[in-house]
Amino acid sequence: MLNIIFYFSGSGNSLKISKDVASQLGDCEIVHIAKAMKVPKVYSNSTIGIIFPVHFWGVPPIVKRFVAQLKTAGSPYIYAVANAGGTGAAVMKQLQKEMDKKT
């Protein structure tokens, strides 16, 4: 697969968003974060998406753990989509801090 989307969803909203994004990207695999964490591997996809809900104005703990163990090859374009019923607060800054820990 050229593109991969990792998602975490409780109510199904993030899964729906993942499917919508995947339909626009094409050649895309959608994987639940919990499933991906069970079998860690190195991802060499062109794009890597992380889609999740905002939990208590922040990044859900499972997403933080996933980012900490995420291994990539090459220089994939990594993006994130955070969905919230209210405000997203500073969730993208929080996620960037988690990604920065990897470098």
PDB file of N, CA and C in Angstrom:
ATOM      1  N   MET A   1       0.833  -1.189   0.000  1.00  0.00           N
ATOM      2  CA  MET A   1       0.000   0.000   0.000  1.00  0.00           C
ATOM      3  C   MET A   1       0.877   1.252   0.000  1.00  0.00           C
ATOM      4  N   LEU A   2       0.470   2.185  -0.804  1.00  0.00           N
ATOM      5  CA  LEU A   2       1.182   3.456  -0.885  1.00  0.00           C
ATOM      6  C   LEU A   2       0.925   4.319   0.345  1.00  0.00           C
ATOM      7  N   ASN A   3      -0.331   4.311   0.818  1.00  0.00           N
ATOM      8  CA  ASN A   3      -0.742   5.142   1.949  1.00  0.00           C
ATOM      9  C   ASN A   3      -1.306   4.265   3.058  1.00  0.00           C
ATOM     10  N   ILE A   4      -1.130   4.717   4.296  1.00  0.00           N
ATOM     11  CA  ILE A   4      -1.711   4.002   5.426  1.00  0.00           C
ATOM     12  C   ILE A   4      -2.281   5.016   6.398  1.00  0.00           C
ATOM     13  N   ILE A   5      -3.426   4.674   6.970  1.00  0.00           N
ATOM     14  CA  ILE A   5      -4.058   5.505   7.987  1.00  0.00           C
ATOM     15  C   ILE A   5      -4.226   4.663   9.238  1.00  0.00           C
ATOM     16  N   PHE A   6      -3.725   5.176  10.344  1.00  0.00           N
ATOM     17  CA  PHE A   6      -3.932   4.556  11.644  1.00  0.00           C
ATOM     18  C   PHE A   6      -5.003   5.374  12.348  1.00  0.00           C
ATOM     19  N   TYR A   7      -5.979   4.685  12.934  1.00  0.00           N
ATOM     20  CA  TYR A   7      -7.046   5.422  13.598  1.00  0.00           C
ATOM     21  C   TYR A   7      -7.343   4.838  14.966  1.00  0.00           C
ATOM     22  N   PHE A   8      -7.858   5.697  15.826  1.00  0.00           N
ATOM     23  CA  PHE A   8      -8.392   5.292  17.118  1.00  0.00           C
ATOM     24  C   PHE A   8      -9.788   5.885  17.180  1.00  0.00           C
ATOM     25  N   SER A   9     -10.778   5.052  17.502  1.00  0.00           N
ATOM     26  CA  SER A   9     -12.155   5.522  17.498  1.00  0.00           C
ATOM     27  C   SER A   9     -12.957   4.798  18.551  1.00  0.00           C
ATOM     28  N   GLY A  10     -13.726   5.539  19.297  1.00  0.00           N
ATOM     29  CA  GLY A  10     -14.616   4.929  20.271  1.00  0.00           C
ATOM     30  C   GLY A  10     -16.035   4.873  19.733  1.00  0.00           C
ATOM     31  N   SER A  11     -16.494   5.978  19.189  1.00  0.00           N
ATOM     32  CA  SER A  11     -17.877   6.071  18.713  1.00  0.00           C
ATOM     33  C   SER A  11     -18.021   5.793  17.218  1.00  0.00           C
ATOM     34  N   GLY A  12     -16.900   5.703  16.511  1.00  0.00           N
ATOM     35  CA  GLY A  12     -16.954   5.454  15.080  1.00  0.00           C
ATOM     36  C   GLY A  12     -16.664   6.682  14.231  1.00  0.00           C
ATOM     37  N   ASN A  13     -16.597   7.857  14.849  1.00  0.00           N
ATOM     38  CA  ASN A  13     -16.349   9.079  14.084  1.00  0.00           C
ATOM     39  C   ASN A  13     -14.978   9.069  13.403  1.00  0.00           C
ATOM     40  N   SER A  14     -13.955   8.662  14.124  1.00  0.00           N
ATOM     41  CA  SER A  14     -12.608   8.647  13.536  1.00  0.00           C
ATOM     42  C   SER A  14     -12.491   7.592  12.443  1.00  0.00           C
ATOM     43  N   LEU A  15     -13.189   6.476  12.595  1.00  0.00           N
ATOM     44  CA  LEU A  15     -13.190   5.463  11.542  1.00  0.00           C
ATOM     45  C   LEU A  15     -13.848   6.026  10.288  1.00  0.00           C
ATOM     46  N   LYS A  16     -14.958   6.717  10.443  1.00  0.00           N
ATOM     47  CA  LYS A  16     -15.651   7.326   9.302  1.00  0.00           C
ATOM     48  C   LYS A  16     -14.740   8.332   8.604  1.00  0.00           C
ATOM     49  N   ILE A  17     -14.066   9.167   9.359  1.00  0.00           N
ATOM     50  CA  ILE A  17     -13.141  10.142   8.784  1.00  0.00           C
ATOM     51  C   ILE A  17     -12.015   9.416   8.060  1.00  0.00           C
ATOM     52  N   SER A  18     -11.515   8.338   8.653  1.00  0.00           N
ATOM     53  CA  SER A  18     -10.444   7.551   8.028  1.00  0.00           C
ATOM     54  C   SER A  18     -10.887   7.008   6.679  1.00  0.00           C
ATOM     55  N   LYS A  19     -12.102   6.485   6.625  1.00  0.00           N
ATOM     56  CA  LYS A  19     -12.624   5.956   5.365  1.00  0.00           C
ATOM     57  C   LYS A  19     -12.791   7.062   4.329  1.00  0.00           C
ATOM     58  N   ASP A  20     -13.242   8.228   4.771  1.00  0.00           N
ATOM     59  CA  ASP A  20     -13.410   9.364   3.849  1.00  0.00           C
ATOM     60  C   ASP A  20     -12.069   9.818   3.282  1.00  0.00           C
ATOM     61  N   VAL A  21     -11.068   9.932   4.142  1.00  0.00           N
ATOM     62  CA  VAL A  21      -9.730  10.351   3.695  1.00  0.00           C
ATOM     63  C   VAL A  21      -9.152   9.289   2.754  1.00  0.00           C
ATOM     64  N   ALA A  22      -9.288   8.020   3.122  1.00  0.00           N
ATOM     65  CA  ALA A  22      -8.758   6.930   2.301  1.00  0.00           C
ATOM     66  C   ALA A  22      -9.389   6.921   0.909  1.00  0.00           C
ATOM     67  N   SER A  23     -10.672   7.219   0.827  1.00  0.00           N
ATOM     68  CA  SER A  23     -11.340   7.215  -0.479  1.00  0.00           C
ATOM     69  C   SER A  23     -10.795   8.313  -1.377  1.00  0.00           C
ATOM     70  N   GLN A  24     -10.325   9.398  -0.783  1.00  0.00           N
ATOM     71  CA  GLN A  24      -9.752  10.490  -1.565  1.00  0.00           C
ATOM     72  C   GLN A  24      -8.297  10.198  -1.949  1.00  0.00           C
ATOM     73  N   LEU A  25      -7.575   9.527  -1.079  1.00  0.00           N
ATOM     74  CA  LEU A  25      -6.167   9.214  -1.347  1.00  0.00           C
ATOM     75  C   LEU A  25      -6.019   8.084  -2.360  1.00  0.00           C
ATOM     76  N   GLY A  26      -6.834   7.061  -2.221  1.00  0.00           N
ATOM     77  CA  GLY A  26      -6.666   5.868  -3.045  1.00  0.00           C
ATOM     78  C   GLY A  26      -5.476   5.060  -2.553  1.00  0.00           C
ATOM     79  N   ASP A  27      -5.373   3.812  -2.961  1.00  0.00           N
ATOM     80  CA  ASP A  27      -4.294   2.904  -2.569  1.00  0.00           C
ATOM     81  C   ASP A  27      -3.945   3.074  -1.088  1.00  0.00           C
ATOM     82  N   CYS A  28      -4.935   2.855  -0.241  1.00  0.00           N
ATOM     83  CA  CYS A  28      -4.787   3.172   1.178  1.00  0.00           C
ATOM     84  C   CYS A  28      -5.285   2.023   2.057  1.00  0.00           C
ATOM     85  N   GLU A  29      -4.508   1.726   3.072  1.00  0.00           N
ATOM     86  CA  GLU A  29      -4.886   0.735   4.085  1.00  0.00           C
ATOM     87  C   GLU A  29      -5.294   1.491   5.340  1.00  0.00           C
ATOM     88  N   ILE A  30      -6.341   1.020   6.005  1.00  0.00           N
ATOM     89  CA  ILE A  30      -6.812   1.617   7.258  1.00  0.00           C
ATOM     90  C   ILE A  30      -6.601   0.594   8.368  1.00  0.00           C
ATOM     91  N   VAL A  31      -5.899   0.999   9.440  1.00  0.00           N
ATOM     92  CA  VAL A  31      -5.549   0.072  10.516  1.00  0.00           C
ATOM     93  C   VAL A  31      -5.871   0.701  11.869  1.00  0.00           C
ATOM     94  N   HIS A  32      -6.562  -0.041  12.719  1.00  0.00           N
ATOM     95  CA  HIS A  32      -6.832   0.434  14.074  1.00  0.00           C
ATOM     96  C   HIS A  32      -5.506   0.486  14.842  1.00  0.00           C
ATOM     97  N   ILE A  33      -5.307   1.526  15.583  1.00  0.00           N
ATOM     98  CA  ILE A  33      -4.049   1.722  16.325  1.00  0.00           C
ATOM     99  C   ILE A  33      -3.772   0.560  17.274  1.00  0.00           C
ATOM    100  N   ALA A  34      -4.782   0.086  17.981  1.00  0.00           N
ATOM    101  CA  ALA A  34      -4.565  -1.030  18.922  1.00  0.00           C
ATOM    102  C   ALA A  34      -4.054  -2.270  18.195  1.00  0.00           C
ATOM    103  N   LYS A  35      -4.569  -2.539  17.016  1.00  0.00           N
ATOM    104  CA  LYS A  35      -4.114  -3.698  16.222  1.00  0.00           C
ATOM    105  C   LYS A  35      -2.666  -3.497  15.774  1.00  0.00           C
ATOM    106  N   ALA A  36      -2.337  -2.297  15.335  1.00  0.00           N
ATOM    107  CA  ALA A  36      -0.971  -2.017  14.877  1.00  0.00           C
ATOM    108  C   ALA A  36       0.038  -2.139  16.019  1.00  0.00           C
ATOM    109  N   MET A  37      -0.383  -1.806  17.218  1.00  0.00           N
ATOM    110  CA  MET A  37       0.534  -1.865  18.364  1.00  0.00           C
ATOM    111  C   MET A  37       0.853  -3.302  18.761  1.00  0.00           C
ATOM    112  N   LYS A  38      -0.022  -4.239  18.423  1.00  0.00           N
ATOM    113  CA  LYS A  38       0.206  -5.636  18.788  1.00  0.00           C
ATOM    114  C   LYS A  38       1.336  -6.266  17.985  1.00  0.00           C
ATOM    115  N   VAL A  39       1.538  -5.771  16.772  1.00  0.00           N
ATOM    116  CA  VAL A  39       2.578  -6.312  15.895  1.00  0.00           C
ATOM    117  C   VAL A  39       3.387  -5.142  15.325  1.00  0.00           C
ATOM    118  N   PRO A  40       4.291  -4.582  16.143  1.00  0.00           N
ATOM    119  CA  PRO A  40       5.076  -3.431  15.660  1.00  0.00           C
ATOM    120  C   PRO A  40       5.924  -3.810  14.442  1.00  0.00           C
ATOM    121  N   LYS A  41       6.003  -2.883  13.505  1.00  0.00           N
ATOM    122  CA  LYS A  41       6.838  -3.086  12.334  1.00  0.00           C
ATOM    123  C   LYS A  41       7.296  -1.739  11.817  1.00  0.00           C
ATOM    124  N   VAL A  42       8.127  -1.754  10.810  1.00  0.00           N
ATOM    125  CA  VAL A  42       8.612  -0.529  10.190  1.00  0.00           C
ATOM    126  C   VAL A  42       7.723  -0.240   8.987  1.00  0.00           C
ATOM    127  N   TYR A  43       7.194   0.973   8.934  1.00  0.00           N
ATOM    128  CA  TYR A  43       6.290   1.365   7.855  1.00  0.00           C
ATOM    129  C   TYR A  43       7.039   2.208   6.834  1.00  0.00           C
ATOM    130  N   SER A  44       6.953   1.794   5.583  1.00  0.00           N
ATOM    131  CA  SER A  44       7.646   2.506   4.509  1.00  0.00           C
ATOM    132  C   SER A  44       6.653   3.117   3.519  1.00  0.00           C
ATOM    133  N   ASN A  45       5.443   3.391   3.982  1.00  0.00           N
ATOM    134  CA  ASN A  45       4.427   3.986   3.133  1.00  0.00           C
ATOM    135  C   ASN A  45       4.802   5.416   2.765  1.00  0.00           C
ATOM    136  N   SER A  46       4.255   5.903   1.657  1.00  0.00           N
ATOM    137  CA  SER A  46       4.509   7.285   1.235  1.00  0.00           C
ATOM    138  C   SER A  46       3.882   8.279   2.197  1.00  0.00           C
ATOM    139  N   THR A  47       2.639   7.991   2.616  1.00  0.00           N
ATOM    140  CA  THR A  47       1.984   8.848   3.601  1.00  0.00           C
ATOM    141  C   THR A  47       1.491   7.996   4.757  1.00  0.00           C
ATOM    142  N   ILE A  48       1.556   8.584   5.938  1.00  0.00           N
ATOM    143  CA  ILE A  48       1.070   7.934   7.151  1.00  0.00           C
ATOM    144  C   ILE A  48       0.145   8.914   7.845  1.00  0.00           C
ATOM    145  N   GLY A  49      -1.113   8.505   7.998  1.00  0.00           N
ATOM    146  CA  GLY A  49      -2.081   9.346   8.690  1.00  0.00           C
ATOM    147  C   GLY A  49      -2.385   8.789  10.063  1.00  0.00           C
ATOM    148  N   ILE A  50      -2.649   9.696  10.991  1.00  0.00           N
ATOM    149  CA  ILE A  50      -3.050   9.319  12.343  1.00  0.00           C
ATOM    150  C   ILE A  50      -4.339  10.094  12.628  1.00  0.00           C
ATOM    151  N   ILE A  51      -5.432   9.372  12.801  1.00  0.00           N
ATOM    152  CA  ILE A  51      -6.727  10.014  12.982  1.00  0.00           C
ATOM    153  C   ILE A  51      -7.310   9.560  14.318  1.00  0.00           C
ATOM    154  N   PHE A  52      -7.730  10.528  15.127  1.00  0.00           N
ATOM    155  CA  PHE A  52      -8.168  10.221  16.484  1.00  0.00           C
ATOM    156  C   PHE A  52      -9.089  11.307  17.023  1.00  0.00           C
ATOM    157  N   PRO A  53      -9.861  10.983  18.068  1.00  0.00           N
ATOM    158  CA  PRO A  53     -10.698  11.989  18.715  1.00  0.00           C
ATOM    159  C   PRO A  53      -9.890  12.741  19.782  1.00  0.00           C
ATOM    160  N   VAL A  54     -10.294  13.958  20.052  1.00  0.00           N
ATOM    161  CA  VAL A  54      -9.704  14.722  21.147  1.00  0.00           C
ATOM    162  C   VAL A  54     -10.317  14.201  22.444  1.00  0.00           C
ATOM    163  N   HIS A  55      -9.462  13.848  23.397  1.00  0.00           N
ATOM    164  CA  HIS A  55      -9.923  13.364  24.708  1.00  0.00           C
ATOM    165  C   HIS A  55      -9.538  14.376  25.767  1.00  0.00           C
ATOM    166  N   PHE A  56     -10.505  14.960  26.416  1.00  0.00           N
ATOM    167  CA  PHE A  56     -10.247  15.899  27.498  1.00  0.00           C
ATOM    168  C   PHE A  56      -9.223  16.959  27.083  1.00  0.00           C
ATOM    169  N   TRP A  57      -9.425  17.549  25.897  1.00  0.00           N
ATOM    170  CA  TRP A  57      -8.585  18.603  25.320  1.00  0.00           C
ATOM    171  C   TRP A  57      -7.177  18.123  25.014  1.00  0.00           C
ATOM    172  N   GLY A  58      -7.013  16.849  24.800  1.00  0.00           N
ATOM    173  CA  GLY A  58      -5.675  16.353  24.521  1.00  0.00           C
ATOM    174  C   GLY A  58      -5.656  15.110  23.644  1.00  0.00           C
ATOM    175  N   VAL A  59      -4.441  14.627  23.421  1.00  0.00           N
ATOM    176  CA  VAL A  59      -4.209  13.420  22.633  1.00  0.00           C
ATOM    177  C   VAL A  59      -4.497  12.209  23.522  1.00  0.00           C
ATOM    178  N   PRO A  60      -5.289  11.257  23.064  1.00  0.00           N
ATOM    179  CA  PRO A  60      -5.562  10.064  23.865  1.00  0.00           C
ATOM    180  C   PRO A  60      -4.268   9.306  24.196  1.00  0.00           C
ATOM    181  N   PRO A  61      -4.173   8.756  25.390  1.00  0.00           N
ATOM    182  CA  PRO A  61      -2.959   8.034  25.781  1.00  0.00           C
ATOM    183  C   PRO A  61      -2.543   6.937  24.801  1.00  0.00           C
ATOM    184  N   ILE A  62      -3.494   6.203  24.236  1.00  0.00           N
ATOM    185  CA  ILE A  62      -3.133   5.140  23.298  1.00  0.00           C
ATOM    186  C   ILE A  62      -2.451   5.710  22.058  1.00  0.00           C
ATOM    187  N   VAL A  63      -2.854   6.893  21.628  1.00  0.00           N
ATOM    188  CA  VAL A  63      -2.229   7.523  20.462  1.00  0.00           C
ATOM    189  C   VAL A  63      -0.795   7.947  20.812  1.00  0.00           C
ATOM    190  N   LYS A  64      -0.595   8.461  22.011  1.00  0.00           N
ATOM    191  CA  LYS A  64       0.759   8.817  22.451  1.00  0.00           C
ATOM    192  C   LYS A  64       1.660   7.586  22.466  1.00  0.00           C
ATOM    193  N   ARG A  65       1.148   6.471  22.992  1.00  0.00           N
ATOM    194  CA  ARG A  65       1.950   5.237  23.037  1.00  0.00           C
ATOM    195  C   ARG A  65       2.250   4.743  21.627  1.00  0.00           C
ATOM    196  N   PHE A  66       1.267   4.841  20.745  1.00  0.00           N
ATOM    197  CA  PHE A  66       1.470   4.416  19.365  1.00  0.00           C
ATOM    198  C   PHE A  66       2.556   5.249  18.693  1.00  0.00           C
ATOM    199  N   VAL A  67       2.483   6.545  18.841  1.00  0.00           N
ATOM    200  CA  VAL A  67       3.486   7.430  18.231  1.00  0.00           C
ATOM    201  C   VAL A  67       4.875   7.108  18.775  1.00  0.00           C
ATOM    202  N   ALA A  68       4.971   6.805  20.062  1.00  0.00           N
ATOM    203  CA  ALA A  68       6.263   6.481  20.661  1.00  0.00           C
ATOM    204  C   ALA A  68       6.888   5.234  20.044  1.00  0.00           C
ATOM    205  N   GLN A  69       6.072   4.270  19.646  1.00  0.00           N
ATOM    206  CA  GLN A  69       6.615   3.028  19.081  1.00  0.00           C
ATOM    207  C   GLN A  69       6.637   3.022  17.555  1.00  0.00           C
ATOM    208  N   LEU A  70       6.038   4.037  16.915  1.00  0.00           N
ATOM    209  CA  LEU A  70       5.963   4.080  15.454  1.00  0.00           C
ATOM    210  C   LEU A  70       7.356   4.174  14.830  1.00  0.00           C
ATOM    211  N   LYS A  71       7.642   3.246  13.932  1.00  0.00           N
ATOM    212  CA  LYS A  71       8.931   3.243  13.228  1.00  0.00           C
ATOM    213  C   LYS A  71       8.648   3.377  11.738  1.00  0.00           C
ATOM    214  N   THR A  72       9.402   4.273  11.098  1.00  0.00           N
ATOM    215  CA  THR A  72       9.204   4.503   9.671  1.00  0.00           C
ATOM    216  C   THR A  72      10.525   4.375   8.932  1.00  0.00           C
ATOM    217  N   ALA A  73      10.421   4.047   7.661  1.00  0.00           N
ATOM    218  CA  ALA A  73      11.586   3.983   6.784  1.00  0.00           C
ATOM    219  C   ALA A  73      11.416   5.072   5.732  1.00  0.00           C
ATOM    220  N   GLY A  74      12.521   5.640   5.310  1.00  0.00           N
ATOM    221  CA  GLY A  74      12.437   6.708   4.326  1.00  0.00           C
ATOM    222  C   GLY A  74      11.955   7.988   4.976  1.00  0.00           C
ATOM    223  N   SER A  75      11.290   8.795   4.212  1.00  0.00           N
ATOM    224  CA  SER A  75      10.774  10.070   4.716  1.00  0.00           C
ATOM    225  C   SER A  75       9.293  10.207   4.363  1.00  0.00           C
ATOM    226  N   PRO A  76       8.435   9.441   5.029  1.00  0.00           N
ATOM    227  CA  PRO A  76       7.010   9.527   4.697  1.00  0.00           C
ATOM    228  C   PRO A  76       6.431  10.875   5.122  1.00  0.00           C
ATOM    229  N   TYR A  77       5.401  11.286   4.436  1.00  0.00           N
ATOM    230  CA  TYR A  77       4.640  12.463   4.853  1.00  0.00           C
ATOM    231  C   TYR A  77       3.692  11.984   5.940  1.00  0.00           C
ATOM    232  N   ILE A  78       3.823  12.531   7.142  1.00  0.00           N
ATOM    233  CA  ILE A  78       2.990  12.125   8.261  1.00  0.00           C
ATOM    234  C   ILE A  78       2.037  13.265   8.595  1.00  0.00           C
ATOM    235  N   TYR A  79       0.758  12.934   8.673  1.00  0.00           N
ATOM    236  CA  TYR A  79      -0.249  13.943   8.995  1.00  0.00           C
ATOM    237  C   TYR A  79      -1.188  13.388  10.059  1.00  0.00           C
ATOM    238  N   ALA A  80      -1.921  14.288  10.685  1.00  0.00           N
ATOM    239  CA  ALA A  80      -2.875  13.883  11.717  1.00  0.00           C
ATOM    240  C   ALA A  80      -4.172  14.651  11.539  1.00  0.00           C
ATOM    241  N   VAL A  81      -5.254  13.986  11.927  1.00  0.00           N
ATOM    242  CA  VAL A  81      -6.580  14.598  11.960  1.00  0.00           C
ATOM    243  C   VAL A  81      -7.139  14.317  13.344  1.00  0.00           C
ATOM    244  N   ALA A  82      -7.459  15.377  14.069  1.00  0.00           N
ATOM    245  CA  ALA A  82      -8.069  15.236  15.383  1.00  0.00           C
ATOM    246  C   ALA A  82      -9.500  15.748  15.280  1.00  0.00           C
ATOM    247  N   ASN A  83     -10.453  14.942  15.713  1.00  0.00           N
ATOM    248  CA  ASN A  83     -11.838  15.386  15.637  1.00  0.00           C
ATOM    249  C   ASN A  83     -12.399  15.579  17.034  1.00  0.00           C
ATOM    250  N   ALA A  84     -13.248  16.604  17.141  1.00  0.00           N
ATOM    251  CA  ALA A  84     -13.812  16.943  18.445  1.00  0.00           C
ATOM    252  C   ALA A  84     -15.205  17.514  18.276  1.00  0.00           C
ATOM    253  N   GLY A  85     -16.063  17.241  19.242  1.00  0.00           N
ATOM    254  CA  GLY A  85     -17.404  17.792  19.223  1.00  0.00           C
ATOM    255  C   GLY A  85     -17.417  19.246  19.663  1.00  0.00           C
ATOM    256  N   GLY A  86     -16.388  19.661  20.345  1.00  0.00           N
ATOM    257  CA  GLY A  86     -16.308  21.035  20.834  1.00  0.00           C
ATOM    258  C   GLY A  86     -15.054  21.697  20.321  1.00  0.00           C
ATOM    259  N   THR A  87     -14.059  21.785  21.175  1.00  0.00           N
ATOM    260  CA  THR A  87     -12.811  22.441  20.805  1.00  0.00           C
ATOM    261  C   THR A  87     -11.668  21.444  20.773  1.00  0.00           C
ATOM    262  N   GLY A  88     -10.759  21.652  19.856  1.00  0.00           N
ATOM    263  CA  GLY A  88      -9.594  20.780  19.749  1.00  0.00           C
ATOM    264  C   GLY A  88      -8.467  21.183  20.674  1.00  0.00           C
ATOM    265  N   ALA A  89      -8.615  22.346  21.322  1.00  0.00           N
ATOM    266  CA  ALA A  89      -7.604  22.882  22.232  1.00  0.00           C
ATOM    267  C   ALA A  89      -6.240  22.912  21.545  1.00  0.00           C
ATOM    268  N   ALA A  90      -5.209  22.460  22.215  1.00  0.00           N
ATOM    269  CA  ALA A  90      -3.847  22.489  21.670  1.00  0.00           C
ATOM    270  C   ALA A  90      -3.390  21.081  21.309  1.00  0.00           C
ATOM    271  N   VAL A  91      -4.318  20.262  20.846  1.00  0.00           N
ATOM    272  CA  VAL A  91      -4.030  18.849  20.623  1.00  0.00           C
ATOM    273  C   VAL A  91      -2.928  18.636  19.581  1.00  0.00           C
ATOM    274  N   MET A  92      -2.863  19.428  18.536  1.00  0.00           N
ATOM    275  CA  MET A  92      -1.827  19.233  17.518  1.00  0.00           C
ATOM    276  C   MET A  92      -0.449  19.613  18.049  1.00  0.00           C
ATOM    277  N   LYS A  93      -0.377  20.605  18.916  1.00  0.00           N
ATOM    278  CA  LYS A  93       0.905  20.936  19.550  1.00  0.00           C
ATOM    279  C   LYS A  93       1.359  19.782  20.445  1.00  0.00           C
ATOM    280  N   GLN A  94       0.405  19.173  21.153  1.00  0.00           N
ATOM    281  CA  GLN A  94       0.734  18.027  21.995  1.00  0.00           C
ATOM    282  C   GLN A  94       1.257  16.870  21.157  1.00  0.00           C
ATOM    283  N   LEU A  95       0.590  16.607  20.040  1.00  0.00           N
ATOM    284  CA  LEU A  95       1.021  15.505  19.171  1.00  0.00           C
ATOM    285  C   LEU A  95       2.396  15.797  18.576  1.00  0.00           C
ATOM    286  N   GLN A  96       2.640  17.044  18.196  1.00  0.00           N
ATOM    287  CA  GLN A  96       3.952  17.403  17.646  1.00  0.00           C
ATOM    288  C   GLN A  96       5.053  17.164  18.668  1.00  0.00           C
ATOM    289  N   LYS A  97       4.786  17.443  19.935  1.00  0.00           N
ATOM    290  CA  LYS A  97       5.770  17.169  20.991  1.00  0.00           C
ATOM    291  C   LYS A  97       6.099  15.686  21.071  1.00  0.00           C
ATOM    292  N   GLU A  98       5.066  14.839  20.923  1.00  0.00           N
ATOM    293  CA  GLU A  98       5.294  13.397  20.939  1.00  0.00           C
ATOM    294  C   GLU A  98       6.146  12.971  19.734  1.00  0.00           C
ATOM    295  N   MET A  99       5.860  13.545  18.566  1.00  0.00           N
ATOM    296  CA  MET A  99       6.636  13.220  17.361  1.00  0.00           C
ATOM    297  C   MET A  99       8.069  13.727  17.504  1.00  0.00           C
ATOM    298  N   ASP A 100       8.246  14.906  18.087  1.00  0.00           N
ATOM    299  CA  ASP A 100       9.582  15.475  18.252  1.00  0.00           C
ATOM    300  C   ASP A 100      10.473  14.624  19.149  1.00  0.00           C
ATOM    301  N   LYS A 101       9.879  13.904  20.080  1.00  0.00           N
ATOM    302  CA  LYS A 101      10.645  13.026  20.968  1.00  0.00           C
ATOM    303  C   LYS A 101      11.352  11.924  20.182  1.00  0.00           C
ATOM    304  N   LYS A 102      10.854  11.648  18.992  1.00  0.00           N
ATOM    305  CA  LYS A 102      11.398  10.559  18.187  1.00  0.00           C
ATOM    306  C   LYS A 102      12.665  10.962  17.438  1.00  0.00           C
ATOM    307  N   THR A 103      12.951  12.250  17.343  1.00  0.00           N
ATOM    308  CA  THR A 103      14.129  12.677  16.563  1.00  0.00           C
ATOM    309  C   THR A 103      15.305  12.984  17.448  1.00  0.00           C
TER     310      THR A 103
END
